[in-house]
Amino acid sequence: MSFTDKQLFDAIDKNVDVKDCFIKISEACQELKTKTGCPDDDVDRFLEFTIGKWQKYD
């Protein structure tokens, strides 16, 4: 099931747990960029990789 950006932002705004996770993930991505100097594309690829590994254990 795909969600639109609006649906995702609505979920983030309305749910404290979702918002907390969004903030933590955003902060982790910023920390990764700052500490490694990697470009946004590398951070995106890392997130895609992580999601792929996480889904295998679902």
N, C-alpha and C. Protein backbone atom coordinates (compact mmCIF):
# COMPACT_ATOMS: atom_id res chain seq x y z
N MET A 1 0.84 -1.18 0.00
CA MET A 1 0.00 0.00 0.00
C MET A 1 0.89 1.24 0.00
N SER A 2 0.66 2.13 -0.92
CA SER A 2 1.42 3.37 -1.00
C SER A 2 0.65 4.51 -0.36
N PHE A 3 1.40 5.41 0.25
CA PHE A 3 0.81 6.58 0.87
C PHE A 3 1.32 7.83 0.16
N THR A 4 0.48 8.82 0.09
CA THR A 4 0.90 10.10 -0.46
C THR A 4 1.72 10.84 0.61
N ASP A 5 2.48 11.83 0.18
CA ASP A 5 3.22 12.64 1.15
C ASP A 5 2.28 13.27 2.16
N LYS A 6 1.13 13.74 1.69
CA LYS A 6 0.16 14.37 2.60
C LYS A 6 -0.32 13.38 3.66
N GLN A 7 -0.61 12.15 3.24
CA GLN A 7 -1.06 11.14 4.20
C GLN A 7 0.03 10.84 5.23
N LEU A 8 1.26 10.77 4.77
CA LEU A 8 2.36 10.51 5.71
C LEU A 8 2.55 11.66 6.69
N PHE A 9 2.52 12.89 6.17
CA PHE A 9 2.67 14.04 7.07
C PHE A 9 1.50 14.16 8.03
N ASP A 10 0.30 13.81 7.58
CA ASP A 10 -0.86 13.81 8.49
C ASP A 10 -0.66 12.78 9.60
N ALA A 11 -0.14 11.60 9.25
CA ALA A 11 0.11 10.57 10.26
C ALA A 11 1.17 11.03 11.25
N ILE A 12 2.20 11.69 10.75
CA ILE A 12 3.26 12.20 11.62
C ILE A 12 2.70 13.24 12.57
N ASP A 13 1.86 14.12 12.07
CA ASP A 13 1.29 15.18 12.91
C ASP A 13 0.32 14.66 13.95
N LYS A 14 -0.39 13.60 13.63
CA LYS A 14 -1.48 13.13 14.50
C LYS A 14 -1.08 12.04 15.49
N ASN A 15 0.10 11.44 15.31
CA ASN A 15 0.46 10.30 16.14
C ASN A 15 1.82 10.56 16.79
N VAL A 16 1.85 10.61 18.10
CA VAL A 16 3.06 10.94 18.84
C VAL A 16 4.16 9.91 18.57
N ASP A 17 3.81 8.63 18.54
CA ASP A 17 4.81 7.59 18.31
C ASP A 17 5.42 7.70 16.92
N VAL A 18 4.58 7.94 15.92
CA VAL A 18 5.07 8.10 14.55
C VAL A 18 5.95 9.34 14.46
N LYS A 19 5.52 10.42 15.11
CA LYS A 19 6.29 11.66 15.09
C LYS A 19 7.65 11.47 15.76
N ASP A 20 7.69 10.78 16.89
CA ASP A 20 8.95 10.52 17.58
C ASP A 20 9.90 9.72 16.70
N CYS A 21 9.38 8.70 16.04
CA CYS A 21 10.22 7.89 15.16
C CYS A 21 10.71 8.70 13.97
N PHE A 22 9.86 9.52 13.41
CA PHE A 22 10.26 10.37 12.28
C PHE A 22 11.40 11.30 12.69
N ILE A 23 11.27 11.90 13.87
CA ILE A 23 12.30 12.81 14.37
C ILE A 23 13.61 12.06 14.59
N LYS A 24 13.54 10.87 15.20
CA LYS A 24 14.75 10.08 15.45
C LYS A 24 15.44 9.68 14.15
N ILE A 25 14.67 9.25 13.18
CA ILE A 25 15.24 8.86 11.89
C ILE A 25 15.85 10.07 11.20
N SER A 26 15.16 11.20 11.24
CA SER A 26 15.69 12.42 10.63
C SER A 26 16.99 12.85 11.28
N GLU A 27 17.03 12.79 12.61
CA GLU A 27 18.25 13.17 13.33
C GLU A 27 19.39 12.20 13.02
N ALA A 28 19.08 10.91 12.92
CA ALA A 28 20.11 9.92 12.61
C ALA A 28 20.68 10.16 11.21
N CYS A 29 19.83 10.51 10.27
CA CYS A 29 20.29 10.80 8.91
C CYS A 29 21.18 12.04 8.89
N GLN A 30 20.80 13.06 9.62
CA GLN A 30 21.63 14.27 9.70
C GLN A 30 22.98 13.96 10.35
N GLU A 31 22.97 13.15 11.39
CA GLU A 31 24.21 12.76 12.06
C GLU A 31 25.10 11.97 11.10
N LEU A 32 24.52 11.07 10.34
CA LEU A 32 25.27 10.29 9.37
C LEU A 32 25.93 11.20 8.33
N LYS A 33 25.16 12.17 7.83
CA LYS A 33 25.70 13.12 6.85
C LYS A 33 26.83 13.95 7.46
N THR A 34 26.64 14.43 8.67
CA THR A 34 27.63 15.28 9.32
C THR A 34 28.92 14.52 9.61
N LYS A 35 28.78 13.31 10.15
CA LYS A 35 29.97 12.56 10.56
C LYS A 35 30.71 11.92 9.39
N THR A 36 30.00 11.61 8.31
CA THR A 36 30.65 10.92 7.19
C THR A 36 30.84 11.81 5.97
N GLY A 37 30.08 12.90 5.90
CA GLY A 37 30.15 13.77 4.73
C GLY A 37 29.50 13.18 3.50
N CYS A 38 28.72 12.12 3.68
CA CYS A 38 28.12 11.48 2.52
C CYS A 38 26.97 12.32 1.97
N PRO A 39 26.74 12.23 0.68
CA PRO A 39 25.66 13.00 0.06
C PRO A 39 24.29 12.40 0.36
N ASP A 40 23.26 13.19 0.09
CA ASP A 40 21.88 12.74 0.32
C ASP A 40 21.59 11.41 -0.37
N ASP A 41 22.10 11.23 -1.58
CA ASP A 41 21.84 9.98 -2.31
C ASP A 41 22.35 8.77 -1.54
N ASP A 42 23.50 8.92 -0.88
CA ASP A 42 24.04 7.81 -0.10
C ASP A 42 23.18 7.53 1.13
N VAL A 43 22.68 8.58 1.76
CA VAL A 43 21.80 8.40 2.91
C VAL A 43 20.51 7.72 2.45
N ASP A 44 19.97 8.16 1.32
CA ASP A 44 18.76 7.52 0.77
C ASP A 44 19.00 6.04 0.51
N ARG A 45 20.13 5.73 -0.10
CA ARG A 45 20.46 4.33 -0.41
C ARG A 45 20.61 3.52 0.86
N PHE A 46 21.24 4.11 1.89
CA PHE A 46 21.39 3.43 3.18
C PHE A 46 20.02 3.12 3.79
N LEU A 47 19.11 4.08 3.73
CA LEU A 47 17.76 3.84 4.25
C LEU A 47 17.05 2.74 3.47
N GLU A 48 17.19 2.76 2.15
CA GLU A 48 16.59 1.70 1.33
C GLU A 48 17.16 0.33 1.70
N PHE A 49 18.47 0.26 1.88
CA PHE A 49 19.14 -0.97 2.27
C PHE A 49 18.61 -1.45 3.62
N THR A 50 18.53 -0.52 4.58
CA THR A 50 18.06 -0.85 5.93
C THR A 50 16.63 -1.37 5.90
N ILE A 51 15.79 -0.70 5.16
CA ILE A 51 14.39 -1.13 5.04
C ILE A 51 14.32 -2.53 4.44
N GLY A 52 15.13 -2.78 3.42
CA GLY A 52 15.15 -4.10 2.79
C GLY A 52 15.54 -5.19 3.76
N LYS A 53 16.52 -4.91 4.62
CA LYS A 53 16.95 -5.90 5.61
C LYS A 53 15.91 -6.07 6.70
N TRP A 54 15.29 -4.98 7.10
CA TRP A 54 14.28 -5.02 8.15
C TRP A 54 13.07 -5.84 7.70
N GLN A 55 12.65 -5.69 6.45
CA GLN A 55 11.49 -6.40 5.94
C GLN A 55 11.69 -7.91 5.93
N LYS A 56 12.92 -8.37 5.83
CA LYS A 56 13.20 -9.80 5.82
C LYS A 56 12.88 -10.44 7.16
N TYR A 57 12.91 -9.64 8.23
CA TYR A 57 12.68 -10.16 9.57
C TYR A 57 11.26 -9.93 10.06
N ASP A 58 10.43 -9.39 9.21
CA ASP A 58 9.03 -9.14 9.58
C ASP A 58 8.24 -10.40 9.69
